[in-house]
Amino acid sequence: MRQKIVTFLVLAFMTAAFCLGSKYLPAIGDKDSAPNSHVSNYYIENSKKDTGADNIVSGTLADYRGFDTMLETSVMFVSGLVVTLILVSEKKKGDKKK
C-alpha cells in the first residue's frame, strides 16, 4: 500500500512540474522562438544546396541529423530485438513446464 502512495505522489509531482513548466514554452509557430529564428531558416534556405535533396524533410533527416536519426533507429531496433527475445524465451519456458 505504501508503494502505491509513493508512486502516486511521484507521478502527481511530475505531472504538476510538466504542466507548470509548459507555460514557459514558446507559442506554436512563434517567429521569435530559437528554432524559428536560427536553425529553420538555415535549413529552408540551404537544404537543396547542402544536401541535394528536393524534399527539405528528407534532406534534414538524412544529412543534417543523420547520426541522430541512425542512433534513434538503432535504439528502436535493439528494443524490438530484446522484446522479441524475451517473448521467445518465455514461450520456451512455458513449453518445458508442460
PDB file of N, CA and C in Angstrom:
ATOM      1  N   MET A   1       0.822  -1.191   0.000  1.00  0.00           N
ATOM      2  CA  MET A   1       0.000   0.000   0.000  1.00  0.00           C
ATOM      3  C   MET A   1       0.869   1.260   0.000  1.00  0.00           C
ATOM      4  N   ARG A   2       1.952   1.213   0.775  1.00  0.00           N
ATOM      5  CA  ARG A   2       2.848   2.363   0.871  1.00  0.00           C
ATOM      6  C   ARG A   2       3.485   2.657  -0.482  1.00  0.00           C
ATOM      7  N   GLN A   3       3.826   1.621  -1.215  1.00  0.00           N
ATOM      8  CA  GLN A   3       4.458   1.799  -2.521  1.00  0.00           C
ATOM      9  C   GLN A   3       3.496   2.483  -3.495  1.00  0.00           C
ATOM     10  N   LYS A   4       2.223   2.145  -3.439  1.00  0.00           N
ATOM     11  CA  LYS A   4       1.239   2.774  -4.315  1.00  0.00           C
ATOM     12  C   LYS A   4       1.108   4.262  -4.010  1.00  0.00           C
ATOM     13  N   ILE A   5       1.142   4.616  -2.723  1.00  0.00           N
ATOM     14  CA  ILE A   5       1.040   6.024  -2.334  1.00  0.00           C
ATOM     15  C   ILE A   5       2.259   6.796  -2.815  1.00  0.00           C
ATOM     16  N   VAL A   6       3.438   6.228  -2.644  1.00  0.00           N
ATOM     17  CA  VAL A   6       4.668   6.880  -3.093  1.00  0.00           C
ATOM     18  C   VAL A   6       4.647   7.042  -4.615  1.00  0.00           C
ATOM     19  N   THR A   7       4.233   6.007  -5.326  1.00  0.00           N
ATOM     20  CA  THR A   7       4.146   6.075  -6.785  1.00  0.00           C
ATOM     21  C   THR A   7       3.176   7.163  -7.217  1.00  0.00           C
ATOM     22  N   PHE A   8       2.020   7.226  -6.572  1.00  0.00           N
ATOM     23  CA  PHE A   8       1.034   8.257  -6.898  1.00  0.00           C
ATOM     24  C   PHE A   8       1.595   9.652  -6.642  1.00  0.00           C
ATOM     25  N   LEU A   9       2.276   9.849  -5.518  1.00  0.00           N
ATOM     26  CA  LEU A   9       2.833  11.162  -5.201  1.00  0.00           C
ATOM     27  C   LEU A   9       3.915  11.576  -6.195  1.00  0.00           C
ATOM     28  N   VAL A  10       4.758  10.638  -6.584  1.00  0.00           N
ATOM     29  CA  VAL A  10       5.804  10.945  -7.566  1.00  0.00           C
ATOM     30  C   VAL A  10       5.177  11.319  -8.900  1.00  0.00           C
ATOM     31  N   LEU A  11       4.194  10.551  -9.347  1.00  0.00           N
ATOM     32  CA  LEU A  11       3.515  10.864 -10.602  1.00  0.00           C
ATOM     33  C   LEU A  11       2.777  12.200 -10.544  1.00  0.00           C
ATOM     34  N   ALA A  12       2.148  12.497  -9.413  1.00  0.00           N
ATOM     35  CA  ALA A  12       1.449  13.775  -9.259  1.00  0.00           C
ATOM     36  C   ALA A  12       2.438  14.932  -9.306  1.00  0.00           C
ATOM     37  N   PHE A  13       3.582  14.779  -8.657  1.00  0.00           N
ATOM     38  CA  PHE A  13       4.610  15.814  -8.677  1.00  0.00           C
ATOM     39  C   PHE A  13       5.141  16.032 -10.093  1.00  0.00           C
ATOM     40  N   MET A  14       5.430  14.938 -10.792  1.00  0.00           N
ATOM     41  CA  MET A  14       5.948  15.055 -12.164  1.00  0.00           C
ATOM     42  C   MET A  14       4.916  15.704 -13.084  1.00  0.00           C
ATOM     43  N   THR A  15       3.656  15.329 -12.950  1.00  0.00           N
ATOM     44  CA  THR A  15       2.604  15.909 -13.767  1.00  0.00           C
ATOM     45  C   THR A  15       2.483  17.407 -13.505  1.00  0.00           C
ATOM     46  N   ALA A  16       2.517  17.792 -12.248  1.00  0.00           N
ATOM     47  CA  ALA A  16       2.429  19.215 -11.899  1.00  0.00           C
ATOM     48  C   ALA A  16       3.636  19.977 -12.446  1.00  0.00           C
ATOM     49  N   ALA A  17       4.823  19.387 -12.340  1.00  0.00           N
ATOM     50  CA  ALA A  17       6.032  20.053 -12.838  1.00  0.00           C
ATOM     51  C   ALA A  17       5.965  20.250 -14.341  1.00  0.00           C
ATOM     52  N   PHE A  18       5.520  19.249 -15.074  1.00  0.00           N
ATOM     53  CA  PHE A  18       5.397  19.383 -16.523  1.00  0.00           C
ATOM     54  C   PHE A  18       4.338  20.422 -16.900  1.00  0.00           C
ATOM     55  N   CYS A  19       3.219  20.409 -16.209  1.00  0.00           N
ATOM     56  CA  CYS A  19       2.157  21.372 -16.525  1.00  0.00           C
ATOM     57  C   CYS A  19       2.607  22.799 -16.222  1.00  0.00           C
ATOM     58  N   LEU A  20       3.260  23.005 -15.094  1.00  0.00           N
ATOM     59  CA  LEU A  20       3.735  24.340 -14.751  1.00  0.00           C
ATOM     60  C   LEU A  20       4.869  24.779 -15.681  1.00  0.00           C
ATOM     61  N   GLY A  21       5.726  23.847 -16.070  1.00  0.00           N
ATOM     62  CA  GLY A  21       6.840  24.173 -16.958  1.00  0.00           C
ATOM     63  C   GLY A  21       6.399  24.479 -18.370  1.00  0.00           C
ATOM     64  N   SER A  22       5.261  23.951 -18.768  1.00  0.00           N
ATOM     65  CA  SER A  22       4.805  24.161 -20.143  1.00  0.00           C
ATOM     66  C   SER A  22       4.387  25.601 -20.408  1.00  0.00           C
ATOM     67  N   LYS A  23       4.104  26.357 -19.371  1.00  0.00           N
ATOM     68  CA  LYS A  23       3.709  27.742 -19.604  1.00  0.00           C
ATOM     69  C   LYS A  23       4.898  28.595 -20.056  1.00  0.00           C
ATOM     70  N   TYR A  24       6.122  28.095 -19.899  1.00  0.00           N
ATOM     71  CA  TYR A  24       7.316  28.828 -20.325  1.00  0.00           C
ATOM     72  C   TYR A  24       7.756  28.466 -21.750  1.00  0.00           C
ATOM     73  N   LEU A  25       7.057  27.529 -22.386  1.00  0.00           N
ATOM     74  CA  LEU A  25       7.378  27.165 -23.761  1.00  0.00           C
ATOM     75  C   LEU A  25       6.870  28.243 -24.708  1.00  0.00           C
ATOM     76  N   PRO A  26       7.563  28.447 -25.832  1.00  0.00           N
ATOM     77  CA  PRO A  26       7.059  29.433 -26.791  1.00  0.00           C
ATOM     78  C   PRO A  26       5.782  28.929 -27.457  1.00  0.00           C
ATOM     79  N   ALA A  27       4.994  29.864 -27.933  1.00  0.00           N
ATOM     80  CA  ALA A  27       3.758  29.501 -28.622  1.00  0.00           C
ATOM     81  C   ALA A  27       4.096  28.791 -29.927  1.00  0.00           C
ATOM     82  N   ILE A  28       3.217  27.911 -30.365  1.00  0.00           N
ATOM     83  CA  ILE A  28       3.438  27.180 -31.613  1.00  0.00           C
ATOM     84  C   ILE A  28       3.454  28.167 -32.764  1.00  0.00           C
ATOM     85  N   GLY A  29       4.508  28.104 -33.564  1.00  0.00           N
ATOM     86  CA  GLY A  29       4.649  28.997 -34.706  1.00  0.00           C
ATOM     87  C   GLY A  29       5.214  30.366 -34.367  1.00  0.00           C
ATOM     88  N   ASP A  30       5.670  30.556 -33.136  1.00  0.00           N
ATOM     89  CA  ASP A  30       6.242  31.844 -32.729  1.00  0.00           C
ATOM     90  C   ASP A  30       7.494  32.132 -33.541  1.00  0.00           C
ATOM     91  N   LYS A  31       7.501  33.239 -34.268  1.00  0.00           N
ATOM     92  CA  LYS A  31       8.633  33.565 -35.136  1.00  0.00           C
ATOM     93  C   LYS A  31       9.867  33.975 -34.354  1.00  0.00           C
ATOM     94  N   ASP A  32       9.715  34.315 -33.077  1.00  0.00           N
ATOM     95  CA  ASP A  32      10.851  34.743 -32.260  1.00  0.00           C
ATOM     96  C   ASP A  32      11.472  33.607 -31.457  1.00  0.00           C
ATOM     97  N   SER A  33      10.910  32.396 -31.531  1.00  0.00           N
ATOM     98  CA  SER A  33      11.489  31.279 -30.785  1.00  0.00           C
ATOM     99  C   SER A  33      12.815  30.870 -31.418  1.00  0.00           C
ATOM    100  N   ALA A  34      13.664  30.233 -30.640  1.00  0.00           N
ATOM    101  CA  ALA A  34      15.016  29.895 -31.100  1.00  0.00           C
ATOM    102  C   ALA A  34      15.043  29.049 -32.373  1.00  0.00           C
ATOM    103  N   PRO A  35      14.276  27.969 -32.477  1.00  0.00           N
ATOM    104  CA  PRO A  35      14.343  27.186 -33.717  1.00  0.00           C
ATOM    105  C   PRO A  35      13.891  27.965 -34.944  1.00  0.00           C
ATOM    106  N   ASN A  36      12.863  28.806 -34.779  1.00  0.00           N
ATOM    107  CA  ASN A  36      12.354  29.552 -35.922  1.00  0.00           C
ATOM    108  C   ASN A  36      13.242  30.727 -36.313  1.00  0.00           C
ATOM    109  N   SER A  37      14.079  31.190 -35.412  1.00  0.00           N
ATOM    110  CA  SER A  37      14.900  32.346 -35.742  1.00  0.00           C
ATOM    111  C   SER A  37      16.303  31.969 -36.190  1.00  0.00           C
ATOM    112  N   HIS A  38      16.728  30.732 -35.993  1.00  0.00           N
ATOM    113  CA  HIS A  38      18.096  30.358 -36.358  1.00  0.00           C
ATOM    114  C   HIS A  38      18.140  29.147 -37.294  1.00  0.00           C
ATOM    115  N   VAL A  39      17.814  28.014 -36.769  1.00  0.00           N
ATOM    116  CA  VAL A  39      18.022  26.753 -37.474  1.00  0.00           C
ATOM    117  C   VAL A  39      17.076  26.574 -38.654  1.00  0.00           C
ATOM    118  N   SER A  40      15.803  26.816 -38.450  1.00  0.00           N
ATOM    119  CA  SER A  40      14.828  26.574 -39.514  1.00  0.00           C
ATOM    120  C   SER A  40      15.133  27.390 -40.759  1.00  0.00           C
ATOM    121  N   ASN A  41      15.473  28.646 -40.568  1.00  0.00           N
ATOM    122  CA  ASN A  41      15.770  29.494 -41.722  1.00  0.00           C
ATOM    123  C   ASN A  41      16.957  28.952 -42.506  1.00  0.00           C
ATOM    124  N   TYR A  42      17.974  28.485 -41.800  1.00  0.00           N
ATOM    125  CA  TYR A  42      19.147  27.936 -42.494  1.00  0.00           C
ATOM    126  C   TYR A  42      18.772  26.688 -43.286  1.00  0.00           C
ATOM    127  N   TYR A  43      18.002  25.797 -42.665  1.00  0.00           N
ATOM    128  CA  TYR A  43      17.593  24.568 -43.350  1.00  0.00           C
ATOM    129  C   TYR A  43      16.779  24.892 -44.602  1.00  0.00           C
ATOM    130  N   ILE A  44      15.836  25.820 -44.487  1.00  0.00           N
ATOM    131  CA  ILE A  44      14.979  26.158 -45.624  1.00  0.00           C
ATOM    132  C   ILE A  44      15.785  26.781 -46.752  1.00  0.00           C
ATOM    133  N   GLU A  45      16.699  27.677 -46.420  1.00  0.00           N
ATOM    134  CA  GLU A  45      17.463  28.382 -47.445  1.00  0.00           C
ATOM    135  C   GLU A  45      18.543  27.518 -48.088  1.00  0.00           C
ATOM    136  N   ASN A  46      19.161  26.612 -47.325  1.00  0.00           N
ATOM    137  CA  ASN A  46      20.344  25.907 -47.821  1.00  0.00           C
ATOM    138  C   ASN A  46      20.166  24.406 -48.020  1.00  0.00           C
ATOM    139  N   SER A  47      18.989  23.874 -47.769  1.00  0.00           N
ATOM    140  CA  SER A  47      18.789  22.429 -47.837  1.00  0.00           C
ATOM    141  C   SER A  47      19.093  21.867 -49.222  1.00  0.00           C
ATOM    142  N   LYS A  48      18.556  22.472 -50.238  1.00  0.00           N
ATOM    143  CA  LYS A  48      18.764  21.976 -51.610  1.00  0.00           C
ATOM    144  C   LYS A  48      20.244  22.016 -51.977  1.00  0.00           C
ATOM    145  N   LYS A  49      20.923  23.110 -51.642  1.00  0.00           N
ATOM    146  CA  LYS A  49      22.337  23.271 -51.978  1.00  0.00           C
ATOM    147  C   LYS A  49      23.222  22.310 -51.172  1.00  0.00           C
ATOM    148  N   ASP A  50      22.963  22.200 -49.863  1.00  0.00           N
ATOM    149  CA  ASP A  50      23.807  21.376 -48.996  1.00  0.00           C
ATOM    150  C   ASP A  50      23.589  19.882 -49.178  1.00  0.00           C
ATOM    151  N   THR A  51      22.319  19.470 -49.339  1.00  0.00           N
ATOM    152  CA  THR A  51      22.011  18.041 -49.340  1.00  0.00           C
ATOM    153  C   THR A  51      21.749  17.476 -50.719  1.00  0.00           C
ATOM    154  N   GLY A  52      21.293  18.301 -51.629  1.00  0.00           N
ATOM    155  CA  GLY A  52      20.945  17.817 -52.957  1.00  0.00           C
ATOM    156  C   GLY A  52      19.579  17.171 -53.012  1.00  0.00           C
ATOM    157  N   ALA A  53      18.861  17.157 -51.904  1.00  0.00           N
ATOM    158  CA  ALA A  53      17.531  16.542 -51.853  1.00  0.00           C
ATOM    159  C   ALA A  53      16.472  17.577 -52.217  1.00  0.00           C
ATOM    160  N   ASP A  54      15.479  17.147 -52.988  1.00  0.00           N
ATOM    161  CA  ASP A  54      14.376  18.043 -53.343  1.00  0.00           C
ATOM    162  C   ASP A  54      13.445  18.282 -52.158  1.00  0.00           C
ATOM    163  N   ASN A  55      13.361  17.329 -51.262  1.00  0.00           N
ATOM    164  CA  ASN A  55      12.484  17.399 -50.106  1.00  0.00           C
ATOM    165  C   ASN A  55      13.291  17.882 -48.897  1.00  0.00           C
ATOM    166  N   ILE A  56      12.870  18.969 -48.266  1.00  0.00           N
ATOM    167  CA  ILE A  56      13.607  19.536 -47.136  1.00  0.00           C
ATOM    168  C   ILE A  56      13.627  18.566 -45.954  1.00  0.00           C
ATOM    169  N   VAL A  57      12.526  17.885 -45.703  1.00  0.00           N
ATOM    170  CA  VAL A  57      12.465  16.958 -44.561  1.00  0.00           C
ATOM    171  C   VAL A  57      13.444  15.802 -44.767  1.00  0.00           C
ATOM    172  N   SER A  58      13.459  15.224 -45.949  1.00  0.00           N
ATOM    173  CA  SER A  58      14.382  14.117 -46.230  1.00  0.00           C
ATOM    174  C   SER A  58      15.828  14.579 -46.123  1.00  0.00           C
ATOM    175  N   GLY A  59      16.120  15.745 -46.654  1.00  0.00           N
ATOM    176  CA  GLY A  59      17.481  16.268 -46.570  1.00  0.00           C
ATOM    177  C   GLY A  59      17.910  16.534 -45.146  1.00  0.00           C
ATOM    178  N   THR A  60      16.996  17.055 -44.347  1.00  0.00           N
ATOM    179  CA  THR A  60      17.318  17.341 -42.943  1.00  0.00           C
ATOM    180  C   THR A  60      17.581  16.053 -42.181  1.00  0.00           C
ATOM    181  N   LEU A  61      16.708  15.058 -42.341  1.00  0.00           N
ATOM    182  CA  LEU A  61      16.887  13.799 -41.614  1.00  0.00           C
ATOM    183  C   LEU A  61      18.110  13.029 -42.090  1.00  0.00           C
ATOM    184  N   ALA A  62      18.379  13.049 -43.379  1.00  0.00           N
ATOM    185  CA  ALA A  62      19.470  12.248 -43.923  1.00  0.00           C
ATOM    186  C   ALA A  62      20.832  12.903 -43.725  1.00  0.00           C
ATOM    187  N   ASP A  63      20.917  14.222 -43.889  1.00  0.00           N
ATOM    188  CA  ASP A  63      22.230  14.871 -43.850  1.00  0.00           C
ATOM    189  C   ASP A  63      22.493  15.658 -42.577  1.00  0.00           C
ATOM    190  N   TYR A  64      21.629  16.585 -42.254  1.00  0.00           N
ATOM    191  CA  TYR A  64      21.888  17.423 -41.085  1.00  0.00           C
ATOM    192  C   TYR A  64      21.800  16.630 -39.784  1.00  0.00           C
ATOM    193  N   ARG A  65      20.849  15.715 -39.710  1.00  0.00           N
ATOM    194  CA  ARG A  65      20.636  14.950 -38.478  1.00  0.00           C
ATOM    195  C   ARG A  65      20.869  13.464 -38.699  1.00  0.00           C
ATOM    196  N   GLY A  66      21.761  13.127 -39.588  1.00  0.00           N
ATOM    197  CA  GLY A  66      21.979  11.732 -39.963  1.00  0.00           C
ATOM    198  C   GLY A  66      22.404  10.844 -38.812  1.00  0.00           C
ATOM    199  N   PHE A  67      23.374  11.295 -38.025  1.00  0.00           N
ATOM    200  CA  PHE A  67      23.848  10.462 -36.919  1.00  0.00           C
ATOM    201  C   PHE A  67      22.768  10.302 -35.854  1.00  0.00           C
ATOM    202  N   ASP A  68      22.046  11.359 -35.574  1.00  0.00           N
ATOM    203  CA  ASP A  68      20.972  11.296 -34.591  1.00  0.00           C
ATOM    204  C   ASP A  68      19.897  10.314 -35.044  1.00  0.00           C
ATOM    205  N   THR A  69      19.511  10.406 -36.315  1.00  0.00           N
ATOM    206  CA  THR A  69      18.498   9.508 -36.851  1.00  0.00           C
ATOM    207  C   THR A  69      18.980   8.058 -36.834  1.00  0.00           C
ATOM    208  N   MET A  70      20.250   7.850 -37.190  1.00  0.00           N
ATOM    209  CA  MET A  70      20.810   6.499 -37.198  1.00  0.00           C
ATOM    210  C   MET A  70      20.794   5.903 -35.786  1.00  0.00           C
ATOM    211  N   LEU A  71      21.170   6.697 -34.789  1.00  0.00           N
ATOM    212  CA  LEU A  71      21.196   6.189 -33.418  1.00  0.00           C
ATOM    213  C   LEU A  71      19.779   5.928 -32.892  1.00  0.00           C
ATOM    214  N   GLU A  72      18.824   6.794 -33.239  1.00  0.00           N
ATOM    215  CA  GLU A  72      17.442   6.549 -32.830  1.00  0.00           C
ATOM    216  C   GLU A  72      16.921   5.249 -33.442  1.00  0.00           C
ATOM    217  N   THR A  73      17.231   5.029 -34.706  1.00  0.00           N
ATOM    218  CA  THR A  73      16.809   3.811 -35.386  1.00  0.00           C
ATOM    219  C   THR A  73      17.457   2.592 -34.745  1.00  0.00           C
ATOM    220  N   SER A  74      18.724   2.715 -34.381  1.00  0.00           N
ATOM    221  CA  SER A  74      19.433   1.603 -33.734  1.00  0.00           C
ATOM    222  C   SER A  74      18.804   1.264 -32.390  1.00  0.00           C
ATOM    223  N   VAL A  75      18.443   2.278 -31.624  1.00  0.00           N
ATOM    224  CA  VAL A  75      17.817   2.046 -30.321  1.00  0.00           C
ATOM    225  C   VAL A  75      16.480   1.334 -30.499  1.00  0.00           C
ATOM    226  N   MET A  76      15.686   1.773 -31.472  1.00  0.00           N
ATOM    227  CA  MET A  76      14.399   1.122 -31.712  1.00  0.00           C
ATOM    228  C   MET A  76      14.585  -0.330 -32.158  1.00  0.00           C
ATOM    229  N   PHE A  77      15.585  -0.591 -32.996  1.00  0.00           N
ATOM    230  CA  PHE A  77      15.851  -1.949 -33.451  1.00  0.00           C
ATOM    231  C   PHE A  77      16.255  -2.848 -32.282  1.00  0.00           C
ATOM    232  N   VAL A  78      17.169  -2.363 -31.457  1.00  0.00           N
ATOM    233  CA  VAL A  78      17.633  -3.161 -30.312  1.00  0.00           C
ATOM    234  C   VAL A  78      16.479  -3.401 -29.336  1.00  0.00           C
ATOM    235  N   SER A  79      15.640  -2.389 -29.118  1.00  0.00           N
ATOM    236  CA  SER A  79      14.481  -2.560 -28.225  1.00  0.00           C
ATOM    237  C   SER A  79      13.546  -3.637 -28.744  1.00  0.00           C
ATOM    238  N   GLY A  80      13.257  -3.598 -30.033  1.00  0.00           N
ATOM    239  CA  GLY A  80      12.402  -4.622 -30.627  1.00  0.00           C
ATOM    240  C   GLY A  80      13.015  -6.000 -30.539  1.00  0.00           C
ATOM    241  N   LEU A  81      14.321  -6.078 -30.747  1.00  0.00           N
ATOM    242  CA  LEU A  81      15.027  -7.355 -30.656  1.00  0.00           C
ATOM    243  C   LEU A  81      14.956  -7.916 -29.237  1.00  0.00           C
ATOM    244  N   VAL A  82      15.158  -7.066 -28.242  1.00  0.00           N
ATOM    245  CA  VAL A  82      15.103  -7.521 -26.847  1.00  0.00           C
ATOM    246  C   VAL A  82      13.706  -8.018 -26.494  1.00  0.00           C
ATOM    247  N   VAL A  83      12.683  -7.283 -26.902  1.00  0.00           N
ATOM    248  CA  VAL A  83      11.308  -7.716 -26.622  1.00  0.00           C
ATOM    249  C   VAL A  83      11.031  -9.058 -27.282  1.00  0.00           C
ATOM    250  N   THR A  84      11.477  -9.216 -28.531  1.00  0.00           N
ATOM    251  CA  THR A  84      11.285 -10.486 -29.230  1.00  0.00           C
ATOM    252  C   THR A  84      11.996 -11.622 -28.506  1.00  0.00           C
ATOM    253  N   LEU A  85      13.232 -11.392 -28.084  1.00  0.00           N
ATOM    254  CA  LEU A  85      13.980 -12.436 -27.371  1.00  0.00           C
ATOM    255  C   LEU A  85      13.321 -12.795 -26.041  1.00  0.00           C
ATOM    256  N   ILE A  86      12.800 -11.817 -25.339  1.00  0.00           N
ATOM    257  CA  ILE A  86      12.116 -12.095 -24.073  1.00  0.00           C
ATOM    258  C   ILE A  86      10.861 -12.923 -24.322  1.00  0.00           C
ATOM    259  N   LEU A  87      10.082 -12.557 -25.332  1.00  0.00           N
ATOM    260  CA  LEU A  87       8.858 -13.310 -25.627  1.00  0.00           C
ATOM    261  C   LEU A  87       9.169 -14.736 -26.066  1.00  0.00           C
ATOM    262  N   VAL A  88      10.223 -14.921 -26.858  1.00  0.00           N
ATOM    263  CA  VAL A  88      10.606 -16.262 -27.301  1.00  0.00           C
ATOM    264  C   VAL A  88      11.077 -17.096 -26.116  1.00  0.00           C
ATOM    265  N   SER A  89      11.862 -16.500 -25.214  1.00  0.00           N
ATOM    266  CA  SER A  89      12.352 -17.266 -24.063  1.00  0.00           C
ATOM    267  C   SER A  89      11.218 -17.635 -23.124  1.00  0.00           C
ATOM    268  N   GLU A  90      10.232 -16.751 -22.967  1.00  0.00           N
ATOM    269  CA  GLU A  90       9.065 -17.051 -22.121  1.00  0.00           C
ATOM    270  C   GLU A  90       8.262 -18.198 -22.733  1.00  0.00           C
ATOM    271  N   LYS A  91       8.145 -18.214 -24.049  1.00  0.00           N
ATOM    272  CA  LYS A  91       7.417 -19.275 -24.714  1.00  0.00           C
ATOM    273  C   LYS A  91       8.114 -20.617 -24.518  1.00  0.00           C
ATOM    274  N   LYS A  92       9.433 -20.618 -24.613  1.00  0.00           N
ATOM    275  CA  LYS A  92      10.177 -21.862 -24.426  1.00  0.00           C
ATOM    276  C   LYS A  92      10.068 -22.353 -22.983  1.00  0.00           C
ATOM    277  N   LYS A  93      10.064 -21.436 -22.018  1.00  0.00           N
ATOM    278  CA  LYS A  93       9.912 -21.822 -20.622  1.00  0.00           C
ATOM    279  C   LYS A  93       8.539 -22.442 -20.399  1.00  0.00           C
ATOM    280  N   GLY A  94       7.514 -21.874 -21.038  1.00  0.00           N
ATOM    281  CA  GLY A  94       6.159 -22.396 -20.928  1.00  0.00           C
ATOM    282  C   GLY A  94       6.037 -23.785 -21.512  1.00  0.00           C
ATOM    283  N   ASP A  95       6.758 -24.051 -22.611  1.00  0.00           N
ATOM    284  CA  ASP A  95       6.732 -25.376 -23.245  1.00  0.00           C
ATOM    285  C   ASP A  95       7.396 -26.414 -22.340  1.00  0.00           C
ATOM    286  N   LYS A  96       8.447 -26.067 -21.632  1.00  0.00           N
ATOM    287  CA  LYS A  96       9.159 -27.011 -20.772  1.00  0.00           C
ATOM    288  C   LYS A  96       8.342 -27.380 -19.545  1.00  0.00           C
ATOM    289  N   LYS A  97       7.473 -26.480 -19.064  1.00  0.00           N
ATOM    290  CA  LYS A  97       6.669 -26.750 -17.887  1.00  0.00           C
ATOM    291  C   LYS A  97       5.599 -27.792 -18.147  1.00  0.00           C
ATOM    292  N   LYS A  98       5.159 -27.929 -19.377  1.00  0.00           N
ATOM    293  CA  LYS A  98       4.089 -28.874 -19.706  1.00  0.00           C
ATOM    294  C   LYS A  98       4.594 -30.236 -19.705  1.00  0.00           C
TER     295      LYS A  98
END
